Amino acid sequence: MADKADIAGDYIEQSLELALQNQRKQARGTSNEPYCEECGTEIPAKRREALPGCATCVDCQQLLEMKTRNHR
């Protein structure tokens, strides 16, 4: 059985990891990287021109939108 200090330590560790992940996502989204953050494939130049700062390819974006629609 975990004591309160262990539980608090785990919570802090998880919170820090989530904050780092969000920071990395924001950095990728603003750096105009030509690769999808979900699958790693190259995002076509026309998509990057039409949607500056986009971080996902068309296929991954469609999947993300379907997931959010299903969770409503």
PDB file of N, CA and C in Angstrom:
ATOM      1  N   MET A   1       0.848  -1.179   0.000  1.00  0.00           N
ATOM      2  CA  MET A   1       0.000   0.000   0.000  1.00  0.00           C
ATOM      3  C   MET A   1       0.896   1.245   0.000  1.00  0.00           C
ATOM      4  N   ALA A   2       0.597   2.157  -0.911  1.00  0.00           N
ATOM      5  CA  ALA A   2       1.407   3.369  -1.050  1.00  0.00           C
ATOM      6  C   ALA A   2       0.993   4.402   0.001  1.00  0.00           C
ATOM      7  N   ASP A   3       1.988   5.113   0.485  1.00  0.00           N
ATOM      8  CA  ASP A   3       1.658   6.164   1.442  1.00  0.00           C
ATOM      9  C   ASP A   3       1.430   7.476   0.685  1.00  0.00           C
ATOM     10  N   LYS A   4       1.030   8.508   1.402  1.00  0.00           N
ATOM     11  CA  LYS A   4       0.675   9.785   0.790  1.00  0.00           C
ATOM     12  C   LYS A   4       1.847  10.413   0.045  1.00  0.00           C
ATOM     13  N   ALA A   5       3.059  10.254   0.544  1.00  0.00           N
ATOM     14  CA  ALA A   5       4.230  10.830  -0.124  1.00  0.00           C
ATOM     15  C   ALA A   5       4.460  10.166  -1.474  1.00  0.00           C
ATOM     16  N   ASP A   6       4.270   8.852  -1.562  1.00  0.00           N
ATOM     17  CA  ASP A   6       4.421   8.148  -2.836  1.00  0.00           C
ATOM     18  C   ASP A   6       3.361   8.600  -3.836  1.00  0.00           C
ATOM     19  N   ILE A   7       2.135   8.725  -3.375  1.00  0.00           N
ATOM     20  CA  ILE A   7       1.032   9.156  -4.236  1.00  0.00           C
ATOM     21  C   ILE A   7       1.296  10.580  -4.738  1.00  0.00           C
ATOM     22  N   ALA A   8       1.730  11.458  -3.856  1.00  0.00           N
ATOM     23  CA  ALA A   8       2.015  12.834  -4.242  1.00  0.00           C
ATOM     24  C   ALA A   8       3.179  12.884  -5.232  1.00  0.00           C
ATOM     25  N   GLY A   9       4.197  12.084  -4.999  1.00  0.00           N
ATOM     26  CA  GLY A   9       5.340  12.035  -5.912  1.00  0.00           C
ATOM     27  C   GLY A   9       4.935  11.560  -7.296  1.00  0.00           C
ATOM     28  N   ASP A  10       4.094  10.536  -7.352  1.00  0.00           N
ATOM     29  CA  ASP A  10       3.605  10.038  -8.639  1.00  0.00           C
ATOM     30  C   ASP A  10       2.785  11.102  -9.355  1.00  0.00           C
ATOM     31  N   TYR A  11       1.944  11.806  -8.619  1.00  0.00           N
ATOM     32  CA  TYR A  11       1.117  12.857  -9.197  1.00  0.00           C
ATOM     33  C   TYR A  11       1.985  13.973  -9.777  1.00  0.00           C
ATOM     34  N   ILE A  12       2.981  14.386  -9.057  1.00  0.00           N
ATOM     35  CA  ILE A  12       3.874  15.449  -9.524  1.00  0.00           C
ATOM     36  C   ILE A  12       4.623  14.993 -10.771  1.00  0.00           C
ATOM     37  N   GLU A  13       5.093  13.773 -10.756  1.00  0.00           N
ATOM     38  CA  GLU A  13       5.822  13.237 -11.920  1.00  0.00           C
ATOM     39  C   GLU A  13       4.921  13.209 -13.161  1.00  0.00           C
ATOM     40  N   GLN A  14       3.682  12.769 -13.011  1.00  0.00           N
ATOM     41  CA  GLN A  14       2.745  12.729 -14.131  1.00  0.00           C
ATOM     42  C   GLN A  14       2.420  14.132 -14.619  1.00  0.00           C
ATOM     43  N   SER A  15       2.234  15.067 -13.704  1.00  0.00           N
ATOM     44  CA  SER A  15       1.936  16.453 -14.079  1.00  0.00           C
ATOM     45  C   SER A  15       3.087  17.080 -14.858  1.00  0.00           C
ATOM     46  N   LEU A  16       4.309  16.827 -14.413  1.00  0.00           N
ATOM     47  CA  LEU A  16       5.475  17.362 -15.118  1.00  0.00           C
ATOM     48  C   LEU A  16       5.606  16.756 -16.511  1.00  0.00           C
ATOM     49  N   GLU A  17       5.359  15.461 -16.633  1.00  0.00           N
ATOM     50  CA  GLU A  17       5.445  14.810 -17.941  1.00  0.00           C
ATOM     51  C   GLU A  17       4.406  15.375 -18.903  1.00  0.00           C
ATOM     52  N   LEU A  18       3.183  15.588 -18.432  1.00  0.00           N
ATOM     53  CA  LEU A  18       2.145  16.178 -19.277  1.00  0.00           C
ATOM     54  C   LEU A  18       2.515  17.600 -19.695  1.00  0.00           C
ATOM     55  N   ALA A  19       3.068  18.369 -18.782  1.00  0.00           N
ATOM     56  CA  ALA A  19       3.484  19.734 -19.104  1.00  0.00           C
ATOM     57  C   ALA A  19       4.580  19.732 -20.164  1.00  0.00           C
ATOM     58  N   LEU A  20       5.527  18.805 -20.052  1.00  0.00           N
ATOM     59  CA  LEU A  20       6.594  18.700 -21.050  1.00  0.00           C
ATOM     60  C   LEU A  20       6.045  18.279 -22.410  1.00  0.00           C
ATOM     61  N   GLN A  21       5.118  17.360 -22.423  1.00  0.00           N
ATOM     62  CA  GLN A  21       4.514  16.934 -23.684  1.00  0.00           C
ATOM     63  C   GLN A  21       3.783  18.086 -24.353  1.00  0.00           C
ATOM     64  N   ASN A  22       3.036  18.856 -23.577  1.00  0.00           N
ATOM     65  CA  ASN A  22       2.322  20.006 -24.132  1.00  0.00           C
ATOM     66  C   ASN A  22       3.293  21.051 -24.666  1.00  0.00           C
ATOM     67  N   GLN A  23       4.369  21.274 -23.955  1.00  0.00           N
ATOM     68  CA  GLN A  23       5.368  22.236 -24.389  1.00  0.00           C
ATOM     69  C   GLN A  23       6.005  21.788 -25.706  1.00  0.00           C
ATOM     70  N   ARG A  24       6.306  20.501 -25.822  1.00  0.00           N
ATOM     71  CA  ARG A  24       6.882  19.978 -27.064  1.00  0.00           C
ATOM     72  C   ARG A  24       5.902  20.128 -28.220  1.00  0.00           C
ATOM     73  N   LYS A  25       4.626  19.842 -27.978  1.00  0.00           N
ATOM     74  CA  LYS A  25       3.621  19.979 -29.031  1.00  0.00           C
ATOM     75  C   LYS A  25       3.501  21.424 -29.492  1.00  0.00           C
ATOM     76  N   GLN A  26       3.496  22.346 -28.554  1.00  0.00           N
ATOM     77  CA  GLN A  26       3.406  23.760 -28.917  1.00  0.00           C
ATOM     78  C   GLN A  26       4.621  24.196 -29.717  1.00  0.00           C
ATOM     79  N   ALA A  27       5.776  23.736 -29.330  1.00  0.00           N
ATOM     80  CA  ALA A  27       7.007  24.101 -30.046  1.00  0.00           C
ATOM     81  C   ALA A  27       6.983  23.550 -31.461  1.00  0.00           C
ATOM     82  N   ARG A  28       6.508  22.322 -31.620  1.00  0.00           N
ATOM     83  CA  ARG A  28       6.422  21.738 -32.959  1.00  0.00           C
ATOM     84  C   ARG A  28       5.403  22.474 -33.806  1.00  0.00           C
ATOM     85  N   GLY A  29       4.291  22.861 -33.199  1.00  0.00           N
ATOM     86  CA  GLY A  29       3.237  23.531 -33.951  1.00  0.00           C
ATOM     87  C   GLY A  29       3.636  24.903 -34.455  1.00  0.00           C
ATOM     88  N   THR A  30       4.543  25.564 -33.788  1.00  0.00           N
ATOM     89  CA  THR A  30       4.930  26.904 -34.201  1.00  0.00           C
ATOM     90  C   THR A  30       6.229  26.926 -34.987  1.00  0.00           C
ATOM     91  N   SER A  31       6.899  25.802 -35.107  1.00  0.00           N
ATOM     92  CA  SER A  31       8.183  25.802 -35.790  1.00  0.00           C
ATOM     93  C   SER A  31       8.068  25.506 -37.280  1.00  0.00           C
ATOM     94  N   ASN A  32       6.858  25.250 -37.775  1.00  0.00           N
ATOM     95  CA  ASN A  32       6.627  24.929 -39.177  1.00  0.00           C
ATOM     96  C   ASN A  32       7.426  23.712 -39.632  1.00  0.00           C
ATOM     97  N   GLU A  33       7.574  22.742 -38.744  1.00  0.00           N
ATOM     98  CA  GLU A  33       8.234  21.495 -39.103  1.00  0.00           C
ATOM     99  C   GLU A  33       7.416  20.829 -40.209  1.00  0.00           C
ATOM    100  N   PRO A  34       8.080  20.258 -41.201  1.00  0.00           N
ATOM    101  CA  PRO A  34       7.330  19.658 -42.308  1.00  0.00           C
ATOM    102  C   PRO A  34       6.836  18.238 -42.044  1.00  0.00           C
ATOM    103  N   TYR A  35       6.945  17.761 -40.792  1.00  0.00           N
ATOM    104  CA  TYR A  35       6.555  16.387 -40.492  1.00  0.00           C
ATOM    105  C   TYR A  35       5.401  16.337 -39.503  1.00  0.00           C
ATOM    106  N   CYS A  36       4.508  15.384 -39.720  1.00  0.00           N
ATOM    107  CA  CYS A  36       3.335  15.185 -38.869  1.00  0.00           C
ATOM    108  C   CYS A  36       3.776  14.757 -37.468  1.00  0.00           C
ATOM    109  N   GLU A  37       3.230  15.395 -36.455  1.00  0.00           N
ATOM    110  CA  GLU A  37       3.597  15.038 -35.081  1.00  0.00           C
ATOM    111  C   GLU A  37       2.974  13.719 -34.648  1.00  0.00           C
ATOM    112  N   GLU A  38       1.990  13.222 -35.381  1.00  0.00           N
ATOM    113  CA  GLU A  38       1.350  11.954 -35.018  1.00  0.00           C
ATOM    114  C   GLU A  38       2.035  10.758 -35.669  1.00  0.00           C
ATOM    115  N   CYS A  39       2.273  10.824 -36.983  1.00  0.00           N
ATOM    116  CA  CYS A  39       2.806   9.656 -37.695  1.00  0.00           C
ATOM    117  C   CYS A  39       4.209   9.866 -38.256  1.00  0.00           C
ATOM    118  N   GLY A  40       4.671  11.102 -38.319  1.00  0.00           N
ATOM    119  CA  GLY A  40       6.020  11.372 -38.781  1.00  0.00           C
ATOM    120  C   GLY A  40       6.184  11.531 -40.281  1.00  0.00           C
ATOM    121  N   THR A  41       5.098  11.382 -41.041  1.00  0.00           N
ATOM    122  CA  THR A  41       5.213  11.566 -42.486  1.00  0.00           C
ATOM    123  C   THR A  41       5.320  13.053 -42.807  1.00  0.00           C
ATOM    124  N   GLU A  42       5.845  13.336 -43.994  1.00  0.00           N
ATOM    125  CA  GLU A  42       6.005  14.735 -44.392  1.00  0.00           C
ATOM    126  C   GLU A  42       4.644  15.349 -44.701  1.00  0.00           C
ATOM    127  N   ILE A  43       4.409  16.551 -44.179  1.00  0.00           N
ATOM    128  CA  ILE A  43       3.185  17.289 -44.459  1.00  0.00           C
ATOM    129  C   ILE A  43       3.417  18.022 -45.779  1.00  0.00           C
ATOM    130  N   PRO A  44       2.533  17.843 -46.773  1.00  0.00           N
ATOM    131  CA  PRO A  44       2.732  18.500 -48.067  1.00  0.00           C
ATOM    132  C   PRO A  44       2.868  20.020 -47.925  1.00  0.00           C
ATOM    133  N   ALA A  45       3.720  20.594 -48.766  1.00  0.00           N
ATOM    134  CA  ALA A  45       3.986  22.039 -48.722  1.00  0.00           C
ATOM    135  C   ALA A  45       2.706  22.849 -48.906  1.00  0.00           C
ATOM    136  N   LYS A  46       1.809  22.387 -49.772  1.00  0.00           N
ATOM    137  CA  LYS A  46       0.559  23.134 -49.997  1.00  0.00           C
ATOM    138  C   LYS A  46      -0.293  23.194 -48.733  1.00  0.00           C
ATOM    139  N   ARG A  47      -0.304  22.105 -47.958  1.00  0.00           N
ATOM    140  CA  ARG A  47      -1.060  22.118 -46.688  1.00  0.00           C
ATOM    141  C   ARG A  47      -0.414  23.083 -45.710  1.00  0.00           C
ATOM    142  N   ARG A  48       0.924  23.046 -45.620  1.00  0.00           N
ATOM    143  CA  ARG A  48       1.626  23.952 -44.701  1.00  0.00           C
ATOM    144  C   ARG A  48       1.439  25.412 -45.106  1.00  0.00           C
ATOM    145  N   GLU A  49       1.342  25.677 -46.412  1.00  0.00           N
ATOM    146  CA  GLU A  49       1.105  27.045 -46.869  1.00  0.00           C
ATOM    147  C   GLU A  49      -0.319  27.484 -46.550  1.00  0.00           C
ATOM    148  N   ALA A  50      -1.269  26.574 -46.754  1.00  0.00           N
ATOM    149  CA  ALA A  50      -2.678  26.902 -46.510  1.00  0.00           C
ATOM    150  C   ALA A  50      -2.985  27.023 -45.023  1.00  0.00           C
ATOM    151  N   LEU A  51      -2.299  26.220 -44.200  1.00  0.00           N
ATOM    152  CA  LEU A  51      -2.538  26.210 -42.754  1.00  0.00           C
ATOM    153  C   LEU A  51      -1.205  26.381 -42.017  1.00  0.00           C
ATOM    154  N   PRO A  52      -0.668  27.596 -42.001  1.00  0.00           N
ATOM    155  CA  PRO A  52       0.614  27.805 -41.319  1.00  0.00           C
ATOM    156  C   PRO A  52       0.552  27.319 -39.867  1.00  0.00           C
ATOM    157  N   GLY A  53       1.569  26.586 -39.468  1.00  0.00           N
ATOM    158  CA  GLY A  53       1.615  26.079 -38.107  1.00  0.00           C
ATOM    159  C   GLY A  53       0.906  24.757 -37.906  1.00  0.00           C
ATOM    160  N   CYS A  54       0.328  24.178 -38.988  1.00  0.00           N
ATOM    161  CA  CYS A  54      -0.342  22.878 -38.823  1.00  0.00           C
ATOM    162  C   CYS A  54       0.694  21.856 -38.394  1.00  0.00           C
ATOM    163  N   ALA A  55       0.274  20.913 -37.577  1.00  0.00           N
ATOM    164  CA  ALA A  55       1.211  19.943 -37.009  1.00  0.00           C
ATOM    165  C   ALA A  55       0.883  18.509 -37.392  1.00  0.00           C
ATOM    166  N   THR A  56      -0.180  18.317 -38.183  1.00  0.00           N
ATOM    167  CA  THR A  56      -0.575  16.965 -38.563  1.00  0.00           C
ATOM    168  C   THR A  56      -0.862  16.892 -40.056  1.00  0.00           C
ATOM    169  N   CYS A  57      -0.690  15.687 -40.611  1.00  0.00           N
ATOM    170  CA  CYS A  57      -1.057  15.451 -42.009  1.00  0.00           C
ATOM    171  C   CYS A  57      -2.586  15.338 -42.084  1.00  0.00           C
ATOM    172  N   VAL A  58      -3.110  15.300 -43.289  1.00  0.00           N
ATOM    173  CA  VAL A  58      -4.564  15.253 -43.471  1.00  0.00           C
ATOM    174  C   VAL A  58      -5.152  14.003 -42.825  1.00  0.00           C
ATOM    175  N   ASP A  59      -4.529  12.851 -43.053  1.00  0.00           N
ATOM    176  CA  ASP A  59      -5.073  11.596 -42.505  1.00  0.00           C
ATOM    177  C   ASP A  59      -5.139  11.622 -40.980  1.00  0.00           C
ATOM    178  N   CYS A  60      -4.059  12.050 -40.341  1.00  0.00           N
ATOM    179  CA  CYS A  60      -4.039  12.096 -38.872  1.00  0.00           C
ATOM    180  C   CYS A  60      -5.030  13.121 -38.341  1.00  0.00           C
ATOM    181  N   GLN A  61      -5.147  14.256 -39.017  1.00  0.00           N
ATOM    182  CA  GLN A  61      -6.101  15.268 -38.576  1.00  0.00           C
ATOM    183  C   GLN A  61      -7.524  14.729 -38.638  1.00  0.00           C
ATOM    184  N   GLN A  62      -7.842  13.990 -39.695  1.00  0.00           N
ATOM    185  CA  GLN A  62      -9.172  13.385 -39.809  1.00  0.00           C
ATOM    186  C   GLN A  62      -9.423  12.401 -38.670  1.00  0.00           C
ATOM    187  N   LEU A  63      -8.425  11.588 -38.342  1.00  0.00           N
ATOM    188  CA  LEU A  63      -8.572  10.640 -37.236  1.00  0.00           C
ATOM    189  C   LEU A  63      -8.782  11.363 -35.909  1.00  0.00           C
ATOM    190  N   LEU A  64      -8.014  12.423 -35.678  1.00  0.00           N
ATOM    191  CA  LEU A  64      -8.166  13.187 -34.431  1.00  0.00           C
ATOM    192  C   LEU A  64      -9.556  13.805 -34.335  1.00  0.00           C
ATOM    193  N   GLU A  65     -10.064  14.327 -35.456  1.00  0.00           N
ATOM    194  CA  GLU A  65     -11.400  14.928 -35.448  1.00  0.00           C
ATOM    195  C   GLU A  65     -12.480  13.883 -35.207  1.00  0.00           C
ATOM    196  N   MET A  66     -12.313  12.688 -35.788  1.00  0.00           N
ATOM    197  CA  MET A  66     -13.292  11.625 -35.559  1.00  0.00           C
ATOM    198  C   MET A  66     -13.286  11.208 -34.096  1.00  0.00           C
ATOM    199  N   LYS A  67     -12.100  11.114 -33.479  1.00  0.00           N
ATOM    200  CA  LYS A  67     -12.006  10.744 -32.068  1.00  0.00           C
ATOM    201  C   LYS A  67     -12.698  11.768 -31.183  1.00  0.00           C
ATOM    202  N   THR A  68     -12.508  13.063 -31.470  1.00  0.00           N
ATOM    203  CA  THR A  68     -13.138  14.086 -30.630  1.00  0.00           C
ATOM    204  C   THR A  68     -14.647  14.099 -30.814  1.00  0.00           C
ATOM    205  N   ARG A  69     -15.124  13.807 -32.012  1.00  0.00           N
ATOM    206  CA  ARG A  69     -16.562  13.734 -32.247  1.00  0.00           C
ATOM    207  C   ARG A  69     -17.175  12.572 -31.484  1.00  0.00           C
ATOM    208  N   ASN A  70     -16.460  11.454 -31.422  1.00  0.00           N
ATOM    209  CA  ASN A  70     -16.975  10.261 -30.742  1.00  0.00           C
ATOM    210  C   ASN A  70     -16.975  10.413 -29.230  1.00  0.00           C
ATOM    211  N   HIS A  71     -16.166  11.305 -28.684  1.00  0.00           N
ATOM    212  CA  HIS A  71     -16.088  11.488 -27.235  1.00  0.00           C
ATOM    213  C   HIS A  71     -17.092  12.506 -26.717  1.00  0.00           C
ATOM    214  N   ARG A  72     -17.829  13.106 -27.593  1.00  0.00           N
ATOM    215  CA  ARG A  72     -18.826  14.111 -27.151  1.00  0.00           C
ATOM    216  C   ARG A  72     -20.068  13.488 -26.674  1.00  0.00           C
TER     217      ARG A  72
END
